[in-house]
C-alpha atoms as a PDB file:
ATOM      1  CA  MET A   1       0.573 -16.737  13.913  1.00  0.00           C
ATOM      2  CA  THR A   2      -2.146 -14.355  12.325  1.00  0.00           C
ATOM      3  CA  PRO A   3      -1.778 -14.384   8.794  1.00  0.00           C
ATOM      4  CA  PRO A   4      -1.644 -10.816   6.860  1.00  0.00           C
ATOM      5  CA  SER A   5      -4.773  -8.978   5.536  1.00  0.00           C
ATOM      6  CA  TYR A   6      -5.599  -9.709   2.144  1.00  0.00           C
ATOM      7  CA  SER A   7      -4.295  -6.517   0.609  1.00  0.00           C
ATOM      8  CA  ASP A   8      -0.432  -7.041   2.459  1.00  0.00           C
ATOM      9  CA  ILE A   9      -0.142 -10.821   1.361  1.00  0.00           C
ATOM     10  CA  THR A  10       2.052  -9.385  -1.435  1.00  0.00           C
ATOM     11  CA  LYS A  11       3.506  -6.207   0.901  1.00  0.00           C
ATOM     12  CA  PRO A  12       6.919  -7.711   0.678  1.00  0.00           C
ATOM     13  CA  VAL A  13       6.984  -7.774  -3.336  1.00  0.00           C
ATOM     14  CA  ASN A  14       4.893  -4.440  -3.240  1.00  0.00           C
ATOM     15  CA  ASP A  15       7.250  -2.301  -1.228  1.00  0.00           C
ATOM     16  CA  LEU A  16      10.424  -4.037  -3.025  1.00  0.00           C
ATOM     17  CA  PHE A  17       8.926  -2.485  -6.373  1.00  0.00           C
ATOM     18  CA  GLY A  18       7.182   0.519  -5.157  1.00  0.00           C
ATOM     19  CA  LYS A  19       8.459   2.123  -1.750  1.00  0.00           C
ATOM     20  CA  ASP A  20      11.336   4.567  -1.830  1.00  0.00           C
ATOM     21  CA  TYR A  21      10.675   5.290  -5.907  1.00  0.00           C
ATOM     22  CA  PRO A  22       9.108   8.616  -5.963  1.00  0.00           C
ATOM     23  CA  PHE A  23       9.034   8.951  -9.544  1.00  0.00           C
ATOM     24  CA  GLY A  24       7.931  12.517 -11.540  1.00  0.00           C
ATOM     25  CA  ALA A  25       7.275  13.935  -8.089  1.00  0.00           C
ATOM     26  CA  LEU A  26       8.704  15.895  -5.174  1.00  0.00           C
ATOM     27  CA  LYS A  27       7.446  14.671  -1.992  1.00  0.00           C
ATOM     28  CA  LEU A  28       7.729  15.892   1.790  1.00  0.00           C
ATOM     29  CA  GLU A  29       6.300  14.393   4.925  1.00  0.00           C
ATOM     30  CA  VAL A  30       6.565  15.693   8.474  1.00  0.00           C
ATOM     31  CA  LYS A  31       5.728  13.632  11.364  1.00  0.00           C
ATOM     32  CA  THR A  32       5.488  14.871  15.109  1.00  0.00           C
ATOM     33  CA  THR A  33       4.079  13.352  18.093  1.00  0.00           C
ATOM     34  CA  THR A  34       3.078  15.609  21.351  1.00  0.00           C
ATOM     35  CA  ALA A  35       3.801  14.369  24.852  1.00  0.00           C
ATOM     36  CA  ASN A  36       0.090  13.457  25.555  1.00  0.00           C
ATOM     37  CA  GLY A  37       0.416  11.005  22.282  1.00  0.00           C
ATOM     38  CA  VAL A  38      -1.350  12.904  19.624  1.00  0.00           C
ATOM     39  CA  SER A  39       0.485  12.467  16.224  1.00  0.00           C
ATOM     40  CA  PHE A  40       0.345  15.036  13.635  1.00  0.00           C
ATOM     41  CA  THR A  41       1.254  14.142   9.794  1.00  0.00           C
ATOM     42  CA  VAL A  42       1.780  16.660   7.054  1.00  0.00           C
ATOM     43  CA  ASN A  43       2.414  15.674   3.743  1.00  0.00           C
ATOM     44  CA  GLY A  44       2.605  17.108   0.076  1.00  0.00           C
ATOM     45  CA  ALA A  45       3.567  16.239  -3.132  1.00  0.00           C
ATOM     46  CA  GLN A  46       4.176  18.287  -6.444  1.00  0.00           C
ATOM     47  CA  ASP A  47       3.894  16.602  -9.923  1.00  0.00           C
ATOM     48  CA  LEU A  48       6.767  17.727 -11.665  1.00  0.00           C
ATOM     49  CA  LYS A  49       4.995  17.522 -15.170  1.00  0.00           C
ATOM     50  CA  SER A  50       1.740  19.512 -14.277  1.00  0.00           C
ATOM     51  CA  GLY A  51       2.898  21.262 -11.225  1.00  0.00           C
ATOM     52  CA  ALA A  52      -0.209  20.162  -9.404  1.00  0.00           C
ATOM     53  CA  ILE A  53       0.453  19.880  -5.571  1.00  0.00           C
ATOM     54  CA  ILE A  54      -1.492  17.669  -3.229  1.00  0.00           C
ATOM     55  CA  SER A  55      -1.268  17.720   0.213  1.00  0.00           C
ATOM     56  CA  GLU A  56      -2.914  16.678   3.612  1.00  0.00           C
ATOM     57  CA  LEU A  57      -2.988  17.240   7.269  1.00  0.00           C
ATOM     58  CA  LYS A  58      -3.770  14.327   9.614  1.00  0.00           C
ATOM     59  CA  THR A  59      -3.924  14.006  13.335  1.00  0.00           C
ATOM     60  CA  LYS A  60      -4.352  10.787  15.342  1.00  0.00           C
ATOM     61  CA  TYR A  61      -4.885   9.918  18.969  1.00  0.00           C
ATOM     62  CA  ALA A  62      -4.951   6.719  20.742  1.00  0.00           C
ATOM     63  CA  ASP A  63      -6.807   6.401  23.839  1.00  0.00           C
ATOM     64  CA  LYS A  64      -5.089   3.408  25.306  1.00  0.00           C
ATOM     65  CA  ALA A  65      -7.212   3.345  28.290  1.00  0.00           C
ATOM     66  CA  ASN A  66     -10.565   2.659  26.195  1.00  0.00           C
ATOM     67  CA  GLY A  67      -8.899   0.938  23.473  1.00  0.00           C
ATOM     68  CA  LEU A  68      -9.992   3.888  20.915  1.00  0.00           C
ATOM     69  CA  THR A  69      -8.207   5.451  18.218  1.00  0.00           C
ATOM     70  CA  TYR A  70      -9.361   8.955  16.526  1.00  0.00           C
ATOM     71  CA  THR A  71      -8.055  10.092  13.254  1.00  0.00           C
ATOM     72  CA  GLU A  72      -8.733  13.224  11.157  1.00  0.00           C
ATOM     73  CA  SER A  73      -7.717  14.386   8.084  1.00  0.00           C
ATOM     74  CA  TRP A  74      -8.086  17.452   5.514  1.00  0.00           C
ATOM     75  CA  ASN A  75      -6.471  17.350   2.233  1.00  0.00           C
ATOM     76  CA  THR A  76      -6.047  20.119  -0.393  1.00  0.00           C
ATOM     77  CA  ALA A  77      -9.203  18.514  -2.412  1.00  0.00           C
ATOM     78  CA  ASN A  78     -11.195  19.887   0.629  1.00  0.00           C
ATOM     79  CA  LEU A  79     -12.128  16.644   1.640  1.00  0.00           C
ATOM     80  CA  LEU A  80     -12.652  15.979   5.384  1.00  0.00           C
ATOM     81  CA  THR A  81     -12.214  12.643   6.881  1.00  0.00           C
ATOM     82  CA  ALA A  82     -12.963  11.543  10.748  1.00  0.00           C
ATOM     83  CA  GLN A  83     -12.381   7.763  11.803  1.00  0.00           C
ATOM     84  CA  VAL A  84     -12.820   5.998  15.053  1.00  0.00           C
ATOM     85  CA  GLU A  85     -11.334   2.641  15.682  1.00  0.00           C
ATOM     86  CA  ALA A  86     -12.172   0.180  18.795  1.00  0.00           C
ATOM     87  CA  SER A  87      -9.958  -2.687  18.848  1.00  0.00           C
ATOM     88  CA  ASN A  88     -10.154  -5.673  21.075  1.00  0.00           C
ATOM     89  CA  LYS A  89     -12.639  -3.861  23.191  1.00  0.00           C
ATOM     90  CA  PHE A  90     -15.741  -6.282  22.456  1.00  0.00           C
ATOM     91  CA  ALA A  91     -13.753  -9.508  21.803  1.00  0.00           C
ATOM     92  CA  LYS A  92     -10.089 -10.517  21.227  1.00  0.00           C
ATOM     93  CA  GLY A  93      -8.806 -10.069  17.742  1.00  0.00           C
ATOM     94  CA  LEU A  94     -11.904  -7.869  17.137  1.00  0.00           C
ATOM     95  CA  LYS A  95     -11.454  -4.319  15.399  1.00  0.00           C
ATOM     96  CA  LEU A  96     -14.302  -1.939  14.866  1.00  0.00           C
ATOM     97  CA  GLU A  97     -14.213   0.940  12.481  1.00  0.00           C
ATOM     98  CA  VAL A  98     -16.476   4.031  11.370  1.00  0.00           C
ATOM     99  CA  SER A  99     -15.242   6.337   9.308  1.00  0.00           C
ATOM    100  CA  GLY A 100     -17.008   9.310   7.128  1.00  0.00           C
ATOM    101  CA  SER A 101     -15.889  11.644   4.728  1.00  0.00           C
ATOM    102  CA  SER A 102     -17.253  14.919   3.084  1.00  0.00           C
ATOM    103  CA  ALA A 103     -16.076  17.354   0.459  1.00  0.00           C
ATOM    104  CA  LEU A 104     -16.686  20.922   1.310  1.00  0.00           C
ATOM    105  CA  ASN A 105     -16.908  22.162  -2.386  1.00  0.00           C
ATOM    106  CA  SER A 106     -19.386  19.226  -3.550  1.00  0.00           C
ATOM    107  CA  ALA A 107     -21.932  16.557  -2.773  1.00  0.00           C
ATOM    108  CA  LYS A 108     -19.108  13.782  -2.522  1.00  0.00           C
ATOM    109  CA  ARG A 109     -20.120  12.023   0.934  1.00  0.00           C
ATOM    110  CA  SER A 110     -18.940   8.364   2.338  1.00  0.00           C
ATOM    111  CA  LEU A 111     -20.016   6.731   5.386  1.00  0.00           C
ATOM    112  CA  VAL A 112     -18.191   3.253   6.019  1.00  0.00           C
ATOM    113  CA  SER A 113     -18.214   0.777   8.728  1.00  0.00           C
ATOM    114  CA  LYS A 114     -15.357  -1.879   8.926  1.00  0.00           C
ATOM    115  CA  ILE A 115     -15.233  -5.145  10.977  1.00  0.00           C
ATOM    116  CA  ASN A 116     -11.670  -6.799  11.130  1.00  0.00           C
ATOM    117  CA  TYR A 117     -11.392 -10.175  12.856  1.00  0.00           C
ATOM    118  CA  GLN A 118      -8.135 -11.851  13.303  1.00  0.00           C
ATOM    119  CA  GLN A 119      -6.950 -15.263  14.963  1.00  0.00           C
ATOM    120  CA  ASP A 120      -4.244 -17.620  14.689  1.00  0.00           C
ATOM    121  CA  ASN A 121      -4.364 -18.578  10.983  1.00  0.00           C
ATOM    122  CA  LEU A 122      -7.317 -16.390  10.237  1.00  0.00           C
ATOM    123  CA  PHE A 123      -7.568 -12.753   9.358  1.00  0.00           C
ATOM    124  CA  ALA A 124     -11.247 -11.324   7.858  1.00  0.00           C
ATOM    125  CA  ARG A 125     -12.495  -8.177   7.145  1.00  0.00           C
ATOM    126  CA  VAL A 126     -16.153  -6.796   6.189  1.00  0.00           C
ATOM    127  CA  ASN A 127     -16.385  -3.002   4.973  1.00  0.00           C
ATOM    128  CA  VAL A 128     -19.928  -1.498   4.235  1.00  0.00           C
ATOM    129  CA  ASN A 129     -20.371   1.671   2.323  1.00  0.00           C
ATOM    130  CA  ALA A 130     -23.844   3.345   3.812  1.00  0.00           C
ATOM    131  CA  LEU A 131     -24.182   5.919   1.241  1.00  0.00           C
ATOM    132  CA  ALA A 132     -23.034   4.392  -1.770  1.00  0.00           C
ATOM    133  CA  PRO A 133     -24.339   0.604  -0.640  1.00  0.00           C
ATOM    134  CA  ALA A 134     -21.697  -1.599  -1.454  1.00  0.00           C
ATOM    135  CA  VAL A 135     -20.103  -4.422   0.679  1.00  0.00           C
ATOM    136  CA  ASN A 136     -16.217  -5.474   0.495  1.00  0.00           C
ATOM    137  CA  ALA A 137     -15.395  -8.463   2.012  1.00  0.00           C
ATOM    138  CA  ASP A 138     -11.813 -10.541   2.130  1.00  0.00           C
ATOM    139  CA  VAL A 139     -10.236 -13.261   4.328  1.00  0.00           C
ATOM    140  CA  THR A 140      -6.920 -14.662   4.565  1.00  0.00           C
ATOM    141  CA  VAL A 141      -6.312 -18.240   6.285  1.00  0.00           C
ATOM    142  CA  SER A 142      -2.984 -19.737   6.614  1.00  0.00           C
ATOM    143  CA  ARG A 143      -1.571 -23.159   7.743  1.00  0.00           C
ATOM    144  CA  GLU A 144       2.387 -23.958   8.180  1.00  0.00           C
ATOM    145  CA  GLY A 145       3.164 -20.997   5.883  1.00  0.00           C
ATOM    146  CA  ALA A 146       0.546 -21.950   3.187  1.00  0.00           C
ATOM    147  CA  LEU A 147      -1.430 -18.676   2.233  1.00  0.00           C
ATOM    148  CA  LEU A 148      -5.121 -18.609   0.837  1.00  0.00           C
ATOM    149  CA  GLY A 149      -6.914 -15.373   0.459  1.00  0.00           C
ATOM    150  CA  ALA A 150     -10.260 -14.146  -1.401  1.00  0.00           C
ATOM    151  CA  GLU A 151     -11.604 -10.933  -1.970  1.00  0.00           C
ATOM    152  CA  LEU A 152     -15.186  -9.931  -2.990  1.00  0.00           C
ATOM    153  CA  ALA A 153     -17.149  -6.518  -3.967  1.00  0.00           C
ATOM    154  CA  TYR A 154     -20.839  -6.242  -3.980  1.00  0.00           C
ATOM    155  CA  ASP A 155     -23.120  -3.690  -5.166  1.00  0.00           C
ATOM    156  CA  LEU A 156     -26.212  -3.859  -3.123  1.00  0.00           C
ATOM    157  CA  ASN A 157     -28.289  -1.579  -5.808  1.00  0.00           C
ATOM    158  CA  SER A 158     -27.723  -3.528  -9.040  1.00  0.00           C
ATOM    159  CA  GLY A 159     -27.472  -7.059  -6.991  1.00  0.00           C
ATOM    160  CA  ALA A 160     -24.188  -7.629  -8.950  1.00  0.00           C
ATOM    161  CA  VAL A 161     -20.649  -8.756  -7.801  1.00  0.00           C
ATOM    162  CA  THR A 162     -18.220  -6.169  -8.903  1.00  0.00           C
ATOM    163  CA  LYS A 163     -14.684  -7.640  -7.966  1.00  0.00           C
ATOM    164  CA  THR A 164     -13.595 -11.247  -7.229  1.00  0.00           C
ATOM    165  CA  ASN A 165      -9.808 -11.760  -6.628  1.00  0.00           C
ATOM    166  CA  SER A 166      -7.980 -14.512  -5.061  1.00  0.00           C
ATOM    167  CA  THR A 167      -4.519 -15.218  -3.962  1.00  0.00           C
ATOM    168  CA  LEU A 168      -2.534 -18.351  -3.316  1.00  0.00           C
ATOM    169  CA  GLY A 169       1.094 -18.274  -1.719  1.00  0.00           C
ATOM    170  CA  TYR A 170       3.771 -19.604   0.644  1.00  0.00           C
ATOM    171  CA  ALA A 171       5.713 -17.839   2.945  1.00  0.00           C
ATOM    172  CA  GLY A 172       8.956 -19.267   4.172  1.00  0.00           C
ATOM    173  CA  PRO A 173      11.458 -17.887   7.107  1.00  0.00           C
ATOM    174  CA  ASP A 174      13.255 -15.763   4.283  1.00  0.00           C
ATOM    175  CA  TYR A 175      10.776 -16.124   1.000  1.00  0.00           C
ATOM    176  CA  LEU A 176       7.347 -15.384  -0.418  1.00  0.00           C
ATOM    177  CA  ILE A 177       5.576 -16.947  -3.318  1.00  0.00           C
ATOM    178  CA  THR A 178       2.377 -15.748  -4.607  1.00  0.00           C
ATOM    179  CA  LEU A 179      -0.210 -16.485  -7.275  1.00  0.00           C
ATOM    180  CA  GLN A 180      -2.981 -14.127  -7.868  1.00  0.00           C
ATOM    181  CA  GLY A 181      -5.943 -14.061  -9.745  1.00  0.00           C
ATOM    182  CA  ASN A 182      -7.840 -10.613 -10.314  1.00  0.00           C
ATOM    183  CA  ASN A 183     -10.917  -9.725 -11.929  1.00  0.00           C
ATOM    184  CA  SER A 184     -12.568 -13.222 -12.040  1.00  0.00           C
ATOM    185  CA  PHE A 185      -8.937 -14.474 -13.314  1.00  0.00           C
ATOM    186  CA  ASN A 186      -8.783 -12.263 -16.202  1.00  0.00           C
ATOM    187  CA  LEU A 187      -5.643 -10.797 -14.963  1.00  0.00           C
ATOM    188  CA  VAL A 188      -2.766 -12.979 -13.287  1.00  0.00           C
ATOM    189  CA  GLN A 189       0.037 -12.018 -11.340  1.00  0.00           C
ATOM    190  CA  PHE A 190       3.026 -14.456  -9.933  1.00  0.00           C
ATOM    191  CA  ALA A 191       5.494 -12.783  -7.637  1.00  0.00           C
ATOM    192  CA  PHE A 192       8.382 -13.989  -5.606  1.00  0.00           C
ATOM    193  CA  TYR A 193      10.183 -12.387  -3.055  1.00  0.00           C
ATOM    194  CA  GLN A 194      13.348 -13.679  -1.070  1.00  0.00           C
ATOM    195  CA  ARG A 195      15.738 -11.827   1.603  1.00  0.00           C
ATOM    196  CA  VAL A 196      19.143 -13.439   0.119  1.00  0.00           C
ATOM    197  CA  THR A 197      21.136 -11.827   2.872  1.00  0.00           C
ATOM    198  CA  LYS A 198      20.839  -9.300   5.918  1.00  0.00           C
ATOM    199  CA  SER A 199      21.702  -6.791   3.270  1.00  0.00           C
ATOM    200  CA  VAL A 200      20.316  -8.053  -0.016  1.00  0.00           C
ATOM    201  CA  GLU A 201      16.872  -8.437  -0.966  1.00  0.00           C
ATOM    202  CA  ALA A 202      15.315  -9.637  -4.464  1.00  0.00           C
ATOM    203  CA  GLY A 203      12.211 -10.380  -6.043  1.00  0.00           C
ATOM    204  CA  ALA A 204      10.177 -10.858  -9.493  1.00  0.00           C
ATOM    205  CA  ARG A 205       6.625 -10.698 -10.691  1.00  0.00           C
ATOM    206  CA  ALA A 206       4.926 -11.279 -13.970  1.00  0.00           C
ATOM    207  CA  VAL A 207       1.269 -10.289 -15.051  1.00  0.00           C
ATOM    208  CA  TYR A 208      -0.680 -11.557 -17.986  1.00  0.00           C
ATOM    209  CA  ASP A 209      -3.784 -10.025 -19.275  1.00  0.00           C
ATOM    210  CA  PHE A 210      -6.202 -12.441 -20.310  1.00  0.00           C
ATOM    211  CA  LYS A 211      -8.520  -9.669 -22.101  1.00  0.00           C
ATOM    212  CA  ASN A 212      -5.329  -8.509 -23.717  1.00  0.00           C
ATOM    213  CA  PRO A 213      -3.134 -11.254 -25.083  1.00  0.00           C
ATOM    214  CA  GLU A 214      -1.323  -9.530 -27.784  1.00  0.00           C
ATOM    215  CA  GLY A 215       0.456  -7.618 -24.778  1.00  0.00           C
ATOM    216  CA  GLY A 216       1.909 -10.710 -23.756  1.00  0.00           C
ATOM    217  CA  VAL A 217       3.551 -11.252 -20.408  1.00  0.00           C
ATOM    218  CA  SER A 218       4.640  -7.879 -18.490  1.00  0.00           C
ATOM    219  CA  ALA A 219       7.740  -8.996 -16.236  1.00  0.00           C
ATOM    220  CA  GLU A 220       9.581  -7.131 -13.824  1.00  0.00           C
ATOM    221  CA  LEU A 221      12.875  -7.693 -11.705  1.00  0.00           C
ATOM    222  CA  GLY A 222      14.053  -5.774  -8.770  1.00  0.00           C
ATOM    223  CA  THR A 223      16.826  -5.812  -5.966  1.00  0.00           C
ATOM    224  CA  LYS A 224      17.711  -4.080  -2.856  1.00  0.00           C
ATOM    225  CA  TYR A 225      21.098  -3.681  -1.161  1.00  0.00           C
ATOM    226  CA  ILE A 226      21.592  -2.336   2.180  1.00  0.00           C
ATOM    227  CA  LEU A 227      24.953  -0.361   2.439  1.00  0.00           C
ATOM    228  CA  ASP A 228      24.960   0.189   5.867  1.00  0.00           C
ATOM    229  CA  PRO A 229      22.336   1.034   8.737  1.00  0.00           C
ATOM    230  CA  THR A 230      21.468   4.519   7.271  1.00  0.00           C
ATOM    231  CA  ALA A 231      21.502   4.156   3.476  1.00  0.00           C
ATOM    232  CA  SER A 232      20.330   1.721   0.684  1.00  0.00           C
ATOM    233  CA  VAL A 233      20.028   1.646  -2.891  1.00  0.00           C
ATOM    234  CA  LYS A 234      17.417  -0.213  -5.192  1.00  0.00           C
ATOM    235  CA  ALA A 235      17.080  -1.125  -8.947  1.00  0.00           C
ATOM    236  CA  LYS A 236      14.419  -2.773 -10.924  1.00  0.00           C
ATOM    237  CA  VAL A 237      13.854  -3.340 -14.684  1.00  0.00           C
ATOM    238  CA  ASP A 238      10.922  -4.566 -16.641  1.00  0.00           C
ATOM    239  CA  ASN A 239      10.633  -6.429 -20.071  1.00  0.00           C
ATOM    240  CA  ALA A 240      10.000  -2.883 -21.763  1.00  0.00           C
ATOM    241  CA  GLY A 241      13.216  -1.566 -20.724  1.00  0.00           C
ATOM    242  CA  ARG A 242      12.380   0.838 -18.243  1.00  0.00           C
ATOM    243  CA  LEU A 243      15.314   1.179 -15.352  1.00  0.00           C
ATOM    244  CA  GLY A 244      14.257   2.243 -11.880  1.00  0.00           C
ATOM    245  CA  LEU A 245      16.956   3.387  -9.639  1.00  0.00           C
ATOM    246  CA  SER A 246      16.606   4.334  -6.068  1.00  0.00           C
ATOM    247  CA  PHE A 247      18.723   5.763  -3.221  1.00  0.00           C
ATOM    248  CA  THR A 248      17.734   6.491   0.400  1.00  0.00           C
ATOM    249  CA  GLN A 249      19.711   7.795   3.041  1.00  0.00           C
ATOM    250  CA  ALA A 250      18.860   8.730   6.714  1.00  0.00           C
ATOM    251  CA  LEU A 251      20.775  12.192   7.013  1.00  0.00           C
ATOM    252  CA  ARG A 252      20.142  11.980  10.700  1.00  0.00           C
ATOM    253  CA  PRO A 253      17.773  10.331  13.368  1.00  0.00           C
ATOM    254  CA  GLY A 254      14.162  10.897  11.829  1.00  0.00           C
ATOM    255  CA  VAL A 255      15.454  12.586   8.718  1.00  0.00           C
ATOM    256  CA  LYS A 256      15.367  10.486   5.597  1.00  0.00           C
ATOM    257  CA  LEU A 257      15.946  11.288   1.869  1.00  0.00           C
ATOM    258  CA  SER A 258      15.048   9.310  -1.091  1.00  0.00           C
ATOM    259  CA  LEU A 259      16.248  10.108  -4.712  1.00  0.00           C
ATOM    260  CA  ALA A 260      14.588   8.149  -7.613  1.00  0.00           C
ATOM    261  CA  GLY A 261      14.694   8.107 -11.551  1.00  0.00           C
ATOM    262  CA  LEU A 262      12.873   5.996 -13.958  1.00  0.00           C
ATOM    263  CA  PHE A 263      14.857   5.789 -17.306  1.00  0.00           C
ATOM    264  CA  ASP A 264      13.477   4.223 -20.705  1.00  0.00           C
ATOM    265  CA  THR A 265      16.543   2.369 -21.949  1.00  0.00           C
ATOM    266  CA  ALA A 266      14.875   2.000 -25.298  1.00  0.00           C
ATOM    267  CA  ARG A 267      14.526   5.815 -25.933  1.00  0.00           C
ATOM    268  CA  LEU A 268      17.399   7.566 -24.000  1.00  0.00           C
ATOM    269  CA  GLN A 269      17.605  10.175 -26.276  1.00  0.00           C
ATOM    270  CA  GLU A 270      14.153  11.528 -25.843  1.00  0.00           C
ATOM    271  CA  ASN A 271      12.445  13.029 -22.901  1.00  0.00           C
ATOM    272  CA  ALA A 272      10.969  10.067 -21.749  1.00  0.00           C
ATOM    273  CA  HIS A 273      12.586   9.731 -18.174  1.00  0.00           C
ATOM    274  CA  LYS A 274      11.095  10.910 -14.602  1.00  0.00           C
ATOM    275  CA  LEU A 275      13.148  11.964 -11.558  1.00  0.00           C
ATOM    276  CA  GLY A 276      12.103  12.303  -8.320  1.00  0.00           C
ATOM    277  CA  ALA A 277      12.843  12.924  -4.468  1.00  0.00           C
ATOM    278  CA  SER A 278      10.930  12.521  -1.200  1.00  0.00           C
ATOM    279  CA  MET A 279      12.074  14.020   2.096  1.00  0.00           C
ATOM    280  CA  THR A 280      10.644  12.603   5.477  1.00  0.00           C
ATOM    281  CA  PHE A 281      11.059  14.454   8.845  1.00  0.00           C
ATOM    282  CA  GLU A 282       9.650  12.595  11.894  1.00  0.00           C
ATOM    283  CA  ALA A 283       9.961  13.104  15.524  1.00  0.00           C
END
């Protein structure tokens, strides 16, 4: 089977600790699809502390006859983005992408070309930013559950390598173990995820920064329990005493509500806690 992309190797762990936890914000997302296959996504988020609102309008159309996908977006930072994807058009497993963005109120510009190639036991990507000359590349290979991935960033102007990351892991039928070395192994993360039963997920991760040895190891435990086909609860706690709780409920088909809170158990009497909510509509 095709392995995940480098950024998705730890996706089960990242989803367990990050998904459905809208801390410190109110979020709204609306997704609709027209009869001819054009999808519209409108999302917005308000920071409960600063009151700032960030939103985006995205349209996406898949031309299946020609193997092309067109995506356009416009956000409240006045950033316009357009992207064209061609999948399996020139070779099986090959996807080409060209995307460009332009800020209407500044000189911020980007023009990025991407090449993705995937086959059995291999997933490779190369991204080139033409306006800020830089190359990002990553590759993941797999063999009988074992995963090995590497990521590299190179600045063409300075001729210097700006990022080197690597991951070693093993994916079983219902569990995943990974060891990551980021920033030339200055930051190391160990992660574990398991689907204990059909309704229970559990995971843990630990991070150690060699550049900040006084900080020790940062550890976190998390779990998810599916109450029924429409509802689930999540909880996580770290070694600093921060407790995260989340409740997600499908109110009706296409409507999902998530409520979450992050509580500092070492400072219960202080204003150190965060609450948040998100609502998603999809039709």
